[in-house]
Amino acid sequence: MIFAIDGTNWVHVLWHASGGEHVVARFLTRLGLIETAYAPERIVVAFDAGRTFRHEIYVGYKANRKANPEIADVLREVQAATEKLPQVVTIQETEFEADDTLATVARICRELGHKCVLASPDKDLCQCLVEGEVAILRGWKSARGQLFPEWLTAKRLESGKTGLRPDQWVDYQTLVGDSTDNVPGCKGIGEKTASALLRKQGNLQVIADQLQREIKDWAVRSVTVCSEKQRNTLYRFLTDGTADVMRDLVTLCDRVPFVADALDLNSAEAAI
């Protein structure tokens, strides 16, 4: 089993939970709990690398976030500490985010037949879920050295609030956007409507084709689950190129360079 951890996310979570106190020690304690509880073959800790290819796609990407020099200092300290651990592979690739590295690790593990756990609460990673192969450890509570984990699998995702499969997740996020990353999505289309549309129609291409038919023929307008105003807004969104930009922003890159070399799983099949 390979554990891939979003180190940047963990640092932010620990920083806010502890008021900035003893973040490095708490981070290392978490790693120790993972190693003790699951004895993974590899532990990968990935960090964001600052400006990424997504900033070139959309100038507003993460423009809502203010830099915090104190957290930046702690991130460097945590990265330096993890790089000294022999059981941990630390990865930070220019132009990519930690989530992209985790998606790349998941892809390589699937190809080589290794089970993979992605340790992060970030909902972007739902697109990587594969039942029996890739699971997400969203978080946990611990007591007396024991972990009480919160797991997310492909089956649990589909049986959850949205009712969507992992292969529908990029389409879902394309519609609803991501406020934490300043990705707007389609104005006027909320989570409930996006979920209902995708459960009914399957994917965005089918939705676009259906909307085109509805616009031409009143007789089929009862098929979709959105209002007249939403229908027109959604059709413009899907046909004027905006949806393509949103999709590029929310789709994780699973071809981050050098991750296969860093994993060192001793197989030519892992090559990027």
Protein backbone atom coordinates (compact mmCIF):
# COMPACT_ATOMS: atom_id res chain seq x y z
CA MET A 1 0.00 0.00 0.00
CA ILE A 2 1.17 3.50 -0.89
CA PHE A 3 0.12 6.48 1.23
CA ALA A 4 0.19 9.83 -0.57
CA ILE A 5 -0.32 12.87 1.66
CA ASP A 6 -1.11 16.47 0.75
CA GLY A 7 1.50 18.06 2.99
CA THR A 8 0.41 21.62 2.22
CA ASN A 9 -3.15 20.86 3.26
CA TRP A 10 -2.02 19.11 6.43
CA VAL A 11 0.10 22.10 7.45
CA HIS A 12 -2.80 24.51 6.95
CA VAL A 13 -5.18 22.25 8.91
CA LEU A 14 -2.71 21.86 11.77
CA TRP A 15 -1.85 25.56 11.77
CA HIS A 16 -5.44 26.65 12.19
CA ALA A 17 -6.27 23.87 14.65
CA SER A 18 -3.33 24.68 16.92
CA GLY A 19 -3.07 28.44 16.49
CA GLY A 20 0.28 27.96 14.81
CA GLU A 21 1.83 26.11 17.76
CA HIS A 22 4.10 23.06 17.34
CA VAL A 23 2.97 22.41 13.76
CA VAL A 24 6.14 20.55 12.76
CA ALA A 25 5.93 18.21 15.75
CA ARG A 26 2.23 17.60 15.17
CA PHE A 27 2.88 16.88 11.49
CA LEU A 28 5.57 14.33 12.32
CA THR A 29 3.30 12.73 14.92
CA ARG A 30 0.64 12.28 12.24
CA LEU A 31 3.17 10.60 9.97
CA GLY A 32 4.16 8.29 12.80
CA LEU A 33 0.54 7.31 13.41
CA ILE A 34 0.12 6.48 9.72
CA GLU A 35 3.24 4.34 9.69
CA THR A 36 2.28 2.49 12.86
CA ALA A 37 -1.35 1.90 11.92
CA TYR A 38 -0.94 0.91 8.26
CA ALA A 39 2.73 0.02 7.66
CA PRO A 40 2.63 1.37 4.08
CA GLU A 41 5.20 0.35 1.50
CA ARG A 42 5.82 4.03 0.77
CA ILE A 43 4.73 7.30 2.30
CA VAL A 44 4.70 10.19 -0.15
CA VAL A 45 4.32 13.74 1.14
CA ALA A 46 3.55 16.26 -1.60
CA PHE A 47 3.74 20.05 -1.36
CA ASP A 48 2.39 22.83 -3.55
CA ALA A 49 5.00 24.65 -5.64
CA GLY A 50 3.50 28.13 -5.68
CA ARG A 51 2.37 29.41 -9.06
CA THR A 52 1.06 26.62 -11.29
CA PHE A 53 -0.11 26.05 -14.85
CA ARG A 54 -3.65 26.87 -13.68
CA HIS A 55 -2.68 30.49 -13.07
CA GLU A 56 -1.81 30.72 -16.76
CA ILE A 57 -5.23 29.33 -17.72
CA TYR A 58 -7.26 31.67 -15.50
CA VAL A 59 -5.86 34.89 -14.02
CA GLY A 60 -8.29 34.76 -11.10
CA TYR A 61 -7.20 31.32 -9.93
CA LYS A 62 -6.72 31.46 -6.13
CA ALA A 63 -6.74 35.27 -6.33
CA ASN A 64 -8.94 35.28 -3.22
CA ARG A 65 -6.16 33.88 -1.04
CA LYS A 66 -3.88 36.15 0.94
CA ALA A 67 -0.28 35.13 1.53
CA ASN A 68 0.59 34.23 5.12
CA PRO A 69 4.36 34.51 5.69
CA GLU A 70 4.14 32.61 8.98
CA ILE A 71 2.48 29.58 7.38
CA ALA A 72 4.98 29.78 4.51
CA ASP A 73 7.83 29.54 7.04
CA VAL A 74 6.22 26.54 8.74
CA LEU A 75 5.70 24.85 5.38
CA ARG A 76 9.43 25.13 4.70
CA GLU A 77 10.23 23.74 8.15
CA VAL A 78 7.86 20.80 7.70
CA GLN A 79 9.24 20.03 4.25
CA ALA A 80 12.80 20.10 5.58
CA ALA A 81 11.82 17.78 8.42
CA THR A 82 10.07 15.25 6.17
CA GLU A 83 13.02 15.18 3.77
CA LYS A 84 15.15 13.79 6.61
CA LEU A 85 12.84 10.83 7.21
CA PRO A 86 14.08 7.66 5.49
CA GLN A 87 10.58 6.17 5.19
CA VAL A 88 9.12 9.27 3.49
CA VAL A 89 9.36 10.45 -0.13
CA THR A 90 8.95 14.22 -0.32
CA ILE A 91 7.85 15.71 -3.64
CA GLN A 92 7.41 19.31 -4.77
CA GLU A 93 7.26 19.82 -8.52
CA THR A 94 7.38 23.24 -10.18
CA GLU A 95 4.06 24.38 -11.74
CA PHE A 96 2.05 21.64 -10.04
CA GLU A 97 0.00 21.36 -6.87
CA ALA A 98 0.17 18.64 -4.27
CA ASP A 99 -3.17 17.28 -5.55
CA ASP A 100 -1.61 16.75 -8.98
CA THR A 101 1.18 14.74 -7.40
CA LEU A 102 -1.36 12.66 -5.46
CA ALA A 103 -3.33 12.02 -8.67
CA THR A 104 -0.10 10.92 -10.38
CA VAL A 105 0.74 8.56 -7.52
CA ALA A 106 -2.77 7.09 -7.74
CA ARG A 107 -2.46 6.55 -11.49
CA ILE A 108 0.92 4.84 -11.17
CA CYS A 109 -0.33 2.62 -8.35
CA ARG A 110 -3.34 1.54 -10.39
CA GLU A 111 -1.13 0.64 -13.33
CA LEU A 112 1.27 -1.37 -11.17
CA GLY A 113 -1.35 -3.07 -9.02
CA HIS A 114 -0.57 -1.27 -5.76
CA LYS A 115 -3.35 -0.12 -3.47
CA CYS A 116 -3.21 3.60 -2.81
CA VAL A 117 -4.51 5.90 -0.09
CA LEU A 118 -4.76 9.63 -0.71
CA ALA A 119 -4.63 11.44 2.64
CA SER A 120 -6.38 14.77 2.21
CA PRO A 121 -9.87 16.24 2.73
CA ASP A 122 -9.70 18.04 -0.64
CA LYS A 123 -12.79 17.18 -2.69
CA ASP A 124 -10.84 17.49 -5.96
CA LEU A 125 -9.39 14.05 -5.25
CA CYS A 126 -12.80 12.38 -5.61
CA GLN A 127 -12.03 12.13 -9.34
CA CYS A 128 -9.20 9.69 -8.48
CA LEU A 129 -11.30 7.15 -6.57
CA VAL A 130 -11.34 3.58 -7.87
CA GLU A 131 -13.18 0.99 -5.78
CA GLY A 132 -10.79 -1.51 -4.23
CA GLU A 133 -7.72 0.33 -5.55
CA VAL A 134 -7.75 4.00 -4.54
CA ALA A 135 -9.36 5.34 -1.36
CA ILE A 136 -9.25 8.71 0.37
CA LEU A 137 -8.41 9.21 4.03
CA ARG A 138 -10.18 12.52 4.64
CA GLY A 139 -9.12 12.75 8.25
CA TRP A 140 -9.29 11.04 11.59
CA LYS A 141 -9.55 11.34 15.31
CA SER A 142 -6.95 9.70 17.51
CA ALA A 143 -7.02 8.51 21.09
CA ARG A 144 -4.37 6.61 23.03
CA GLY A 145 -2.35 5.96 19.89
CA GLN A 146 -5.33 4.58 17.94
CA LEU A 147 -6.78 6.08 14.75
CA PHE A 148 -10.47 6.47 14.02
CA PRO A 149 -10.35 7.27 10.30
CA GLU A 150 -12.87 8.92 8.00
CA TRP A 151 -12.71 7.00 4.73
CA LEU A 152 -14.12 7.88 1.34
CA THR A 153 -14.37 5.24 -1.38
CA ALA A 154 -16.00 5.23 -4.81
CA LYS A 155 -19.04 3.41 -3.40
CA ARG A 156 -19.38 5.83 -0.52
CA LEU A 157 -19.13 8.78 -2.88
CA GLU A 158 -21.93 7.42 -5.06
CA SER A 159 -24.13 6.67 -2.05
CA GLY A 160 -23.46 10.11 -0.58
CA LYS A 161 -25.10 13.51 -0.93
CA THR A 162 -24.38 14.03 -4.64
CA GLY A 163 -25.05 10.46 -5.75
CA LEU A 164 -22.29 10.79 -8.34
CA ARG A 165 -19.58 8.42 -9.52
CA PRO A 166 -15.89 9.42 -9.53
CA ASP A 167 -15.94 9.62 -13.35
CA GLN A 168 -18.64 12.32 -13.07
CA TRP A 169 -16.77 14.39 -10.51
CA VAL A 170 -14.86 16.65 -12.92
CA ASP A 171 -18.13 17.50 -14.69
CA TYR A 172 -19.71 18.25 -11.32
CA GLN A 173 -16.92 20.58 -10.25
CA THR A 174 -16.92 22.21 -13.68
CA LEU A 175 -20.53 23.21 -12.99
CA VAL A 176 -20.35 24.17 -9.30
CA GLY A 177 -16.82 25.58 -9.28
CA ASP A 178 -14.66 25.80 -6.18
CA SER A 179 -14.87 28.90 -4.00
CA THR A 180 -11.69 28.03 -2.09
CA ASP A 181 -9.71 28.25 -5.34
CA ASN A 182 -11.79 31.10 -6.79
CA VAL A 183 -13.12 28.91 -9.59
CA PRO A 184 -16.59 30.30 -10.40
CA GLY A 185 -18.18 27.40 -12.28
CA CYS A 186 -21.57 28.10 -13.88
CA LYS A 187 -23.41 31.00 -12.29
CA GLY A 188 -26.83 30.00 -11.01
CA ILE A 189 -26.13 26.26 -11.00
CA GLY A 190 -25.75 25.01 -7.44
CA GLU A 191 -24.73 21.67 -6.04
CA LYS A 192 -28.25 20.23 -5.95
CA THR A 193 -29.04 21.16 -9.56
CA ALA A 194 -25.63 20.02 -10.83
CA SER A 195 -26.00 16.66 -9.09
CA ALA A 196 -29.51 16.15 -10.42
CA LEU A 197 -28.49 17.02 -13.98
CA LEU A 198 -25.55 14.63 -13.97
CA ARG A 199 -27.50 11.80 -12.34
CA LYS A 200 -30.18 12.18 -14.99
CA GLN A 201 -28.08 12.87 -18.10
CA GLY A 202 -24.70 11.29 -17.24
CA ASN A 203 -22.21 13.91 -18.41
CA LEU A 204 -21.87 17.48 -19.69
CA GLN A 205 -21.82 16.52 -23.36
CA VAL A 206 -25.16 14.76 -23.07
CA ILE A 207 -26.53 17.76 -21.14
CA ALA A 208 -25.35 20.17 -23.86
CA ASP A 209 -26.93 18.03 -26.60
CA GLN A 210 -30.19 17.80 -24.64
CA LEU A 211 -30.30 21.55 -24.05
CA GLN A 212 -29.81 22.18 -27.73
CA ARG A 213 -32.79 19.94 -28.50
CA GLU A 214 -34.90 21.64 -25.85
CA ILE A 215 -34.11 25.11 -27.16
CA LYS A 216 -35.29 24.04 -30.62
CA ASP A 217 -38.33 22.04 -29.52
CA TRP A 218 -40.70 23.00 -26.70
CA ALA A 219 -42.09 19.47 -26.63
CA VAL A 220 -38.96 18.05 -24.97
CA ARG A 221 -38.45 20.83 -22.40
CA SER A 222 -39.75 18.74 -19.53
CA VAL A 223 -36.75 16.42 -19.70
CA THR A 224 -34.17 18.48 -17.79
CA VAL A 225 -34.37 19.42 -14.11
CA CYS A 226 -33.49 23.12 -14.31
CA SER A 227 -35.55 26.28 -14.78
CA GLU A 228 -35.82 28.30 -18.01
CA LYS A 229 -33.30 30.84 -16.74
CA GLN A 230 -30.89 28.12 -15.61
CA ARG A 231 -31.33 26.33 -18.94
CA ASN A 232 -30.25 29.36 -20.97
CA THR A 233 -27.36 30.21 -18.65
CA LEU A 234 -26.15 26.61 -18.67
CA TYR A 235 -26.33 26.33 -22.43
CA ARG A 236 -24.19 29.45 -22.87
CA PHE A 237 -21.74 28.15 -20.28
CA LEU A 238 -21.39 24.82 -22.09
CA THR A 239 -21.06 26.25 -25.59
CA ASP A 240 -19.08 29.51 -25.31
CA GLY A 241 -15.83 27.94 -24.07
CA THR A 242 -16.26 28.86 -20.39
CA ALA A 243 -16.91 25.26 -19.36
CA ASP A 244 -13.67 24.17 -21.06
CA VAL A 245 -11.69 26.64 -18.93
CA MET A 246 -13.42 25.53 -15.73
CA ARG A 247 -12.79 21.88 -16.61
CA ASP A 248 -9.07 22.54 -17.13
CA LEU A 249 -8.90 24.22 -13.71
CA VAL A 250 -10.59 21.41 -11.76
CA THR A 251 -9.06 18.44 -13.58
CA LEU A 252 -6.05 17.06 -11.73
CA CYS A 253 -2.92 16.32 -13.76
CA ASP A 254 -1.85 12.71 -13.23
CA ARG A 255 1.34 13.05 -15.29
CA VAL A 256 3.52 15.09 -12.97
CA PRO A 257 7.17 14.58 -14.03
CA PHE A 258 9.61 12.62 -11.86
CA VAL A 259 6.96 11.17 -9.52
CA ALA A 260 7.56 7.65 -10.82
CA ASP A 261 11.30 8.03 -10.23
CA ALA A 262 10.68 9.34 -6.73
CA LEU A 263 8.36 6.42 -5.92
CA ASP A 264 10.99 3.95 -7.17
CA LEU A 265 8.60 1.02 -7.46
CA ASN A 266 11.12 -0.80 -9.67
CA SER A 267 9.02 -1.18 -12.79
CA ALA A 268 9.40 0.28 -16.25
CA GLU A 269 5.60 0.47 -16.40
CA ALA A 270 5.73 3.33 -13.90
CA ALA A 271 7.56 5.63 -16.30
CA ILE A 272 5.75 8.83 -17.17
